[in-house]
């Protein structure tokens, strides 16, 4: 099952399979750990920031998904 990788977050998916848990996890991340900012971001791109002191990077949605998957593979 999926667990949130954010420090001190105890969220876990309640789903019949890992595949079914991904939409729940995405919703959790958006509702709990995201911040809305005003920015001029090209269509089809997203911005990511890894630390409070880090810089924003602009990547495609596909690249963001790959970065997210790589981060979870390290756990």
PDB file of N, CA and C in Angstrom:
ATOM      1  N   UNK A   1       0.821  -1.185   0.000  1.00  0.00           N
ATOM      2  CA  UNK A   1       0.000   0.000   0.000  1.00  0.00           C
ATOM      3  C   UNK A   1       0.868   1.253   0.000  1.00  0.00           C
ATOM      4  N   UNK A   2       0.264   2.347  -0.372  1.00  0.00           N
ATOM      5  CA  UNK A   2       0.995   3.607  -0.427  1.00  0.00           C
ATOM      6  C   UNK A   2       0.923   4.346   0.905  1.00  0.00           C
ATOM      7  N   UNK A   3       2.034   4.983   1.243  1.00  0.00           N
ATOM      8  CA  UNK A   3       2.101   5.858   2.407  1.00  0.00           C
ATOM      9  C   UNK A   3       2.668   7.186   1.944  1.00  0.00           C
ATOM     10  N   UNK A   4       2.241   8.254   2.596  1.00  0.00           N
ATOM     11  CA  UNK A   4       2.766   9.572   2.260  1.00  0.00           C
ATOM     12  C   UNK A   4       4.203   9.672   2.736  1.00  0.00           C
ATOM     13  N   UNK A   5       5.060  10.244   1.889  1.00  0.00           N
ATOM     14  CA  UNK A   5       6.474  10.357   2.221  1.00  0.00           C
ATOM     15  C   UNK A   5       6.822  11.673   2.910  1.00  0.00           C
ATOM     16  N   UNK A   6       5.845  12.542   3.110  1.00  0.00           N
ATOM     17  CA  UNK A   6       6.121  13.802   3.799  1.00  0.00           C
ATOM     18  C   UNK A   6       6.404  13.536   5.277  1.00  0.00           C
ATOM     19  N   UNK A   7       7.406  14.215   5.836  1.00  0.00           N
ATOM     20  CA  UNK A   7       7.739  14.008   7.249  1.00  0.00           C
ATOM     21  C   UNK A   7       6.534  14.262   8.163  1.00  0.00           C
ATOM     22  N   UNK A   8       6.371  13.464   9.146  1.00  0.00           N
ATOM     23  CA  UNK A   8       5.309  13.535  10.139  1.00  0.00           C
ATOM     24  C   UNK A   8       3.893  13.387   9.564  1.00  0.00           C
ATOM     25  N   UNK A   9       3.761  12.893   8.356  1.00  0.00           N
ATOM     26  CA  UNK A   9       2.434  12.650   7.784  1.00  0.00           C
ATOM     27  C   UNK A   9       2.151  11.149   7.862  1.00  0.00           C
ATOM     28  N   UNK A  10       1.064  10.801   8.483  1.00  0.00           N
ATOM     29  CA  UNK A  10       0.753   9.386   8.688  1.00  0.00           C
ATOM     30  C   UNK A  10      -0.270   8.849   7.686  1.00  0.00           C
ATOM     31  N   UNK A  11      -0.541   9.598   6.609  1.00  0.00           N
ATOM     32  CA  UNK A  11      -1.540   9.162   5.627  1.00  0.00           C
ATOM     33  C   UNK A  11      -1.124   7.840   4.990  1.00  0.00           C
ATOM     34  N   UNK A  12      -2.106   6.947   4.861  1.00  0.00           N
ATOM     35  CA  UNK A  12      -1.931   5.671   4.147  1.00  0.00           C
ATOM     36  C   UNK A  12      -3.154   5.462   3.275  1.00  0.00           C
ATOM     37  N   UNK A  13      -2.960   4.855   2.144  1.00  0.00           N
ATOM     38  CA  UNK A  13      -4.074   4.585   1.230  1.00  0.00           C
ATOM     39  C   UNK A  13      -4.959   3.478   1.791  1.00  0.00           C
ATOM     40  N   UNK A  14      -6.237   3.646   1.575  1.00  0.00           N
ATOM     41  CA  UNK A  14      -7.203   2.585   1.869  1.00  0.00           C
ATOM     42  C   UNK A  14      -7.817   2.227   0.520  1.00  0.00           C
ATOM     43  N   UNK A  15      -7.271   1.197  -0.099  1.00  0.00           N
ATOM     44  CA  UNK A  15      -7.698   0.803  -1.438  1.00  0.00           C
ATOM     45  C   UNK A  15      -7.419  -0.687  -1.623  1.00  0.00           C
ATOM     46  N   UNK A  16      -8.136  -1.330  -2.544  1.00  0.00           N
ATOM     47  CA  UNK A  16      -7.947  -2.768  -2.744  1.00  0.00           C
ATOM     48  C   UNK A  16      -6.621  -3.152  -3.403  1.00  0.00           C
ATOM     49  N   UNK A  17      -5.947  -2.170  -4.029  1.00  0.00           N
ATOM     50  CA  UNK A  17      -4.658  -2.457  -4.676  1.00  0.00           C
ATOM     51  C   UNK A  17      -3.837  -1.179  -4.730  1.00  0.00           C
ATOM     52  N   UNK A  18      -2.544  -1.331  -5.005  1.00  0.00           N
ATOM     53  CA  UNK A  18      -1.694  -0.149  -5.127  1.00  0.00           C
ATOM     54  C   UNK A  18      -2.135   0.715  -6.298  1.00  0.00           C
ATOM     55  N   UNK A  19      -2.509   0.074  -7.390  1.00  0.00           N
ATOM     56  CA  UNK A  19      -2.983   0.828  -8.564  1.00  0.00           C
ATOM     57  C   UNK A  19      -4.200   1.685  -8.211  1.00  0.00           C
ATOM     58  N   UNK A  20      -5.112   1.138  -7.455  1.00  0.00           N
ATOM     59  CA  UNK A  20      -6.313   1.882  -7.050  1.00  0.00           C
ATOM     60  C   UNK A  20      -5.980   2.968  -6.036  1.00  0.00           C
ATOM     61  N   UNK A  21      -4.853   2.843  -5.341  1.00  0.00           N
ATOM     62  CA  UNK A  21      -4.484   3.821  -4.316  1.00  0.00           C
ATOM     63  C   UNK A  21      -3.889   5.101  -4.898  1.00  0.00           C
ATOM     64  N   UNK A  22      -3.329   5.050  -6.091  1.00  0.00           N
ATOM     65  CA  UNK A  22      -2.665   6.231  -6.652  1.00  0.00           C
ATOM     66  C   UNK A  22      -3.580   7.445  -6.761  1.00  0.00           C
ATOM     67  N   UNK A  23      -4.822   7.314  -7.238  1.00  0.00           N
ATOM     68  CA  UNK A  23      -5.688   8.503  -7.269  1.00  0.00           C
ATOM     69  C   UNK A  23      -5.955   9.071  -5.871  1.00  0.00           C
ATOM     70  N   UNK A  24      -6.105   8.206  -4.872  1.00  0.00           N
ATOM     71  CA  UNK A  24      -6.275   8.675  -3.487  1.00  0.00           C
ATOM     72  C   UNK A  24      -5.033   9.445  -3.034  1.00  0.00           C
ATOM     73  N   UNK A  25      -3.871   8.914  -3.357  1.00  0.00           N
ATOM     74  CA  UNK A  25      -2.620   9.548  -2.959  1.00  0.00           C
ATOM     75  C   UNK A  25      -2.475  10.917  -3.623  1.00  0.00           C
ATOM     76  N   UNK A  26      -2.776  10.992  -4.903  1.00  0.00           N
ATOM     77  CA  UNK A  26      -2.700  12.269  -5.614  1.00  0.00           C
ATOM     78  C   UNK A  26      -3.630  13.294  -4.978  1.00  0.00           C
ATOM     79  N   UNK A  27      -4.833  12.888  -4.658  1.00  0.00           N
ATOM     80  CA  UNK A  27      -5.791  13.793  -4.018  1.00  0.00           C
ATOM     81  C   UNK A  27      -5.260  14.250  -2.652  1.00  0.00           C
ATOM     82  N   UNK A  28      -4.699  13.321  -1.880  1.00  0.00           N
ATOM     83  CA  UNK A  28      -4.128  13.668  -0.578  1.00  0.00           C
ATOM     84  C   UNK A  28      -3.018  14.703  -0.738  1.00  0.00           C
ATOM     85  N   UNK A  29      -2.114  14.491  -1.684  1.00  0.00           N
ATOM     86  CA  UNK A  29      -1.006  15.424  -1.877  1.00  0.00           C
ATOM     87  C   UNK A  29      -1.509  16.819  -2.206  1.00  0.00           C
ATOM     88  N   UNK A  30      -2.482  16.897  -3.100  1.00  0.00           N
ATOM     89  CA  UNK A  30      -3.012  18.202  -3.491  1.00  0.00           C
ATOM     90  C   UNK A  30      -3.717  18.874  -2.319  1.00  0.00           C
ATOM     91  N   UNK A  31      -4.570  18.136  -1.623  1.00  0.00           N
ATOM     92  CA  UNK A  31      -5.351  18.730  -0.544  1.00  0.00           C
ATOM     93  C   UNK A  31      -4.517  19.073   0.687  1.00  0.00           C
ATOM     94  N   UNK A  32      -3.487  18.292   0.975  1.00  0.00           N
ATOM     95  CA  UNK A  32      -2.756  18.452   2.230  1.00  0.00           C
ATOM     96  C   UNK A  32      -1.403  19.132   2.085  1.00  0.00           C
ATOM     97  N   UNK A  33      -0.704  18.876   1.000  1.00  0.00           N
ATOM     98  CA  UNK A  33       0.686  19.311   0.920  1.00  0.00           C
ATOM     99  C   UNK A  33       0.976  20.289  -0.219  1.00  0.00           C
ATOM    100  N   UNK A  34      -0.019  20.801  -0.886  1.00  0.00           N
ATOM    101  CA  UNK A  34       0.266  21.707  -1.999  1.00  0.00           C
ATOM    102  C   UNK A  34      -0.114  23.139  -1.652  1.00  0.00           C
ATOM    103  N   UNK A  35       0.476  24.050  -2.381  1.00  0.00           N
ATOM    104  CA  UNK A  35       0.214  25.473  -2.224  1.00  0.00           C
ATOM    105  C   UNK A  35      -0.059  26.047  -3.612  1.00  0.00           C
ATOM    106  N   UNK A  36      -1.068  26.873  -3.715  1.00  0.00           N
ATOM    107  CA  UNK A  36      -1.374  27.528  -4.986  1.00  0.00           C
ATOM    108  C   UNK A  36      -0.599  28.834  -5.064  1.00  0.00           C
ATOM    109  N   UNK A  37       0.075  29.024  -6.184  1.00  0.00           N
ATOM    110  CA  UNK A  37       0.825  30.252  -6.411  1.00  0.00           C
ATOM    111  C   UNK A  37       0.459  30.809  -7.777  1.00  0.00           C
ATOM    112  N   UNK A  38       0.595  32.104  -7.923  1.00  0.00           N
ATOM    113  CA  UNK A  38       0.377  32.741  -9.214  1.00  0.00           C
ATOM    114  C   UNK A  38       1.699  32.763  -9.972  1.00  0.00           C
ATOM    115  N   UNK A  39       1.710  32.180 -11.162  1.00  0.00           N
ATOM    116  CA  UNK A  39       2.942  32.141 -11.960  1.00  0.00           C
ATOM    117  C   UNK A  39       2.574  31.981 -13.427  1.00  0.00           C
ATOM    118  N   UNK A  40       3.452  32.428 -14.278  1.00  0.00           N
ATOM    119  CA  UNK A  40       3.268  32.289 -15.729  1.00  0.00           C
ATOM    120  C   UNK A  40       3.964  31.004 -16.156  1.00  0.00           C
ATOM    121  N   UNK A  41       3.197  29.909 -16.164  1.00  0.00           N
ATOM    122  CA  UNK A  41       3.740  28.592 -16.488  1.00  0.00           C
ATOM    123  C   UNK A  41       3.184  28.166 -17.849  1.00  0.00           C
ATOM    124  N   UNK A  42       4.040  27.756 -18.770  1.00  0.00           N
ATOM    125  CA  UNK A  42       3.558  27.351 -20.095  1.00  0.00           C
ATOM    126  C   UNK A  42       2.565  26.178 -20.008  1.00  0.00           C
ATOM    127  N   UNK A  43       1.667  26.118 -20.961  1.00  0.00           N
ATOM    128  CA  UNK A  43       0.682  25.030 -21.047  1.00  0.00           C
ATOM    129  C   UNK A  43       1.388  23.677 -21.053  1.00  0.00           C
ATOM    130  N   UNK A  44       0.889  22.745 -20.251  1.00  0.00           N
ATOM    131  CA  UNK A  44       1.448  21.405 -20.196  1.00  0.00           C
ATOM    132  C   UNK A  44       2.655  21.261 -19.287  1.00  0.00           C
ATOM    133  N   UNK A  45       3.012  22.324 -18.595  1.00  0.00           N
ATOM    134  CA  UNK A  45       4.163  22.300 -17.697  1.00  0.00           C
ATOM    135  C   UNK A  45       3.694  22.517 -16.262  1.00  0.00           C
ATOM    136  N   UNK A  46       4.506  22.088 -15.317  1.00  0.00           N
ATOM    137  CA  UNK A  46       4.243  22.313 -13.895  1.00  0.00           C
ATOM    138  C   UNK A  46       5.529  22.780 -13.242  1.00  0.00           C
ATOM    139  N   UNK A  47       5.406  23.371 -12.068  1.00  0.00           N
ATOM    140  CA  UNK A  47       6.597  23.773 -11.334  1.00  0.00           C
ATOM    141  C   UNK A  47       6.704  22.956 -10.064  1.00  0.00           C
ATOM    142  N   UNK A  48       7.933  22.576  -9.732  1.00  0.00           N
ATOM    143  CA  UNK A  48       8.224  21.796  -8.536  1.00  0.00           C
ATOM    144  C   UNK A  48       9.240  22.539  -7.686  1.00  0.00           C
ATOM    145  N   UNK A  49       9.104  22.353  -6.377  1.00  0.00           N
ATOM    146  CA  UNK A  49      10.070  22.903  -5.431  1.00  0.00           C
ATOM    147  C   UNK A  49      10.307  21.836  -4.381  1.00  0.00           C
ATOM    148  N   UNK A  50      11.549  21.488  -4.134  1.00  0.00           N
ATOM    149  CA  UNK A  50      11.864  20.372  -3.261  1.00  0.00           C
ATOM    150  C   UNK A  50      12.129  20.768  -1.816  1.00  0.00           C
ATOM    151  N   UNK A  51      12.612  21.967  -1.567  1.00  0.00           N
ATOM    152  CA  UNK A  51      12.896  22.434  -0.207  1.00  0.00           C
ATOM    153  C   UNK A  51      12.256  23.804  -0.030  1.00  0.00           C
ATOM    154  N   UNK A  52      12.087  24.198   1.222  1.00  0.00           N
ATOM    155  CA  UNK A  52      11.591  25.541   1.482  1.00  0.00           C
ATOM    156  C   UNK A  52      12.537  26.597   0.921  1.00  0.00           C
ATOM    157  N   UNK A  53      13.838  26.300   0.925  1.00  0.00           N
ATOM    158  CA  UNK A  53      14.839  27.255   0.448  1.00  0.00           C
ATOM    159  C   UNK A  53      15.234  27.028  -1.007  1.00  0.00           C
ATOM    160  N   UNK A  54      14.698  25.973  -1.628  1.00  0.00           N
ATOM    161  CA  UNK A  54      15.088  25.625  -2.992  1.00  0.00           C
ATOM    162  C   UNK A  54      14.434  26.501  -4.046  1.00  0.00           C
ATOM    163  N   UNK A  55      14.930  26.376  -5.255  1.00  0.00           N
ATOM    164  CA  UNK A  55      14.370  27.102  -6.391  1.00  0.00           C
ATOM    165  C   UNK A  55      13.271  26.269  -7.048  1.00  0.00           C
ATOM    166  N   UNK A  56      12.335  26.944  -7.688  1.00  0.00           N
ATOM    167  CA  UNK A  56      11.290  26.285  -8.459  1.00  0.00           C
ATOM    168  C   UNK A  56      11.894  25.821  -9.776  1.00  0.00           C
ATOM    169  N   UNK A  57      11.519  24.631 -10.230  1.00  0.00           N
ATOM    170  CA  UNK A  57      11.926  24.167 -11.553  1.00  0.00           C
ATOM    171  C   UNK A  57      10.659  23.933 -12.370  1.00  0.00           C
ATOM    172  N   UNK A  58      10.734  24.215 -13.655  1.00  0.00           N
ATOM    173  CA  UNK A  58       9.601  24.022 -14.559  1.00  0.00           C
ATOM    174  C   UNK A  58       9.876  22.790 -15.397  1.00  0.00           C
ATOM    175  N   UNK A  59       8.962  21.827 -15.334  1.00  0.00           N
ATOM    176  CA  UNK A  59       9.110  20.562 -16.063  1.00  0.00           C
ATOM    177  C   UNK A  59       7.767  20.172 -16.666  1.00  0.00           C
ATOM    178  N   UNK A  60       7.807  19.227 -17.587  1.00  0.00           N
ATOM    179  CA  UNK A  60       6.556  18.715 -18.154  1.00  0.00           C
ATOM    180  C   UNK A  60       5.850  17.864 -17.099  1.00  0.00           C
ATOM    181  N   UNK A  61       4.581  17.625 -17.306  1.00  0.00           N
ATOM    182  CA  UNK A  61       3.818  16.778 -16.392  1.00  0.00           C
ATOM    183  C   UNK A  61       4.443  15.390 -16.333  1.00  0.00           C
ATOM    184  N   UNK A  62       4.889  14.882 -17.465  1.00  0.00           N
ATOM    185  CA  UNK A  62       5.509  13.562 -17.514  1.00  0.00           C
ATOM    186  C   UNK A  62       6.799  13.527 -16.698  1.00  0.00           C
ATOM    187  N   UNK A  63       7.630  14.578 -16.834  1.00  0.00           N
ATOM    188  CA  UNK A  63       8.865  14.646 -16.058  1.00  0.00           C
ATOM    189  C   UNK A  63       8.563  14.716 -14.555  1.00  0.00           C
ATOM    190  N   UNK A  64       7.543  15.474 -14.182  1.00  0.00           N
ATOM    191  CA  UNK A  64       7.165  15.575 -12.766  1.00  0.00           C
ATOM    192  C   UNK A  64       6.763  14.206 -12.232  1.00  0.00           C
ATOM    193  N   UNK A  65       6.012  13.451 -13.021  1.00  0.00           N
ATOM    194  CA  UNK A  65       5.620  12.103 -12.609  1.00  0.00           C
ATOM    195  C   UNK A  65       6.822  11.206 -12.427  1.00  0.00           C
ATOM    196  N   UNK A  66       7.792  11.313 -13.330  1.00  0.00           N
ATOM    197  CA  UNK A  66       9.004  10.500 -13.230  1.00  0.00           C
ATOM    198  C   UNK A  66       9.815  10.886 -11.991  1.00  0.00           C
ATOM    199  N   UNK A  67       9.941  12.169 -11.724  1.00  0.00           N
ATOM    200  CA  UNK A  67      10.657  12.636 -10.529  1.00  0.00           C
ATOM    201  C   UNK A  67       9.970  12.096  -9.277  1.00  0.00           C
ATOM    202  N   UNK A  68       8.660  12.131  -9.262  1.00  0.00           N
ATOM    203  CA  UNK A  68       7.901  11.639  -8.112  1.00  0.00           C
ATOM    204  C   UNK A  68       8.122  10.145  -7.924  1.00  0.00           C
ATOM    205  N   UNK A  69       8.065   9.385  -9.019  1.00  0.00           N
ATOM    206  CA  UNK A  69       8.273   7.937  -8.929  1.00  0.00           C
ATOM    207  C   UNK A  69       9.688   7.618  -8.461  1.00  0.00           C
ATOM    208  N   UNK A  70      10.679   8.336  -8.987  1.00  0.00           N
ATOM    209  CA  UNK A  70      12.071   8.109  -8.571  1.00  0.00           C
ATOM    210  C   UNK A  70      12.244   8.394  -7.081  1.00  0.00           C
ATOM    211  N   UNK A  71      11.594   9.415  -6.585  1.00  0.00           N
ATOM    212  CA  UNK A  71      11.683   9.748  -5.166  1.00  0.00           C
ATOM    213  C   UNK A  71      11.113   8.678  -4.288  1.00  0.00           C
ATOM    214  N   UNK A  72      10.085   7.996  -4.753  1.00  0.00           N
ATOM    215  CA  UNK A  72       9.467   6.935  -3.970  1.00  0.00           C
ATOM    216  C   UNK A  72      10.206   5.616  -4.123  1.00  0.00           C
ATOM    217  N   UNK A  73      10.938   5.430  -5.216  1.00  0.00           N
ATOM    218  CA  UNK A  73      11.724   4.211  -5.393  1.00  0.00           C
ATOM    219  C   UNK A  73      12.888   4.160  -4.415  1.00  0.00           C
ATOM    220  N   UNK A  74      13.346   5.326  -3.930  1.00  0.00           N
ATOM    221  CA  UNK A  74      14.478   5.380  -3.005  1.00  0.00           C
ATOM    222  C   UNK A  74      14.091   4.918  -1.614  1.00  0.00           C
ATOM    223  N   UNK A  75      12.791   4.939  -1.276  1.00  0.00           N
ATOM    224  CA  UNK A  75      12.335   4.588   0.075  1.00  0.00           C
ATOM    225  C   UNK A  75      12.432   3.110   0.345  1.00  0.00           C
TER     226      UNK A  75
END
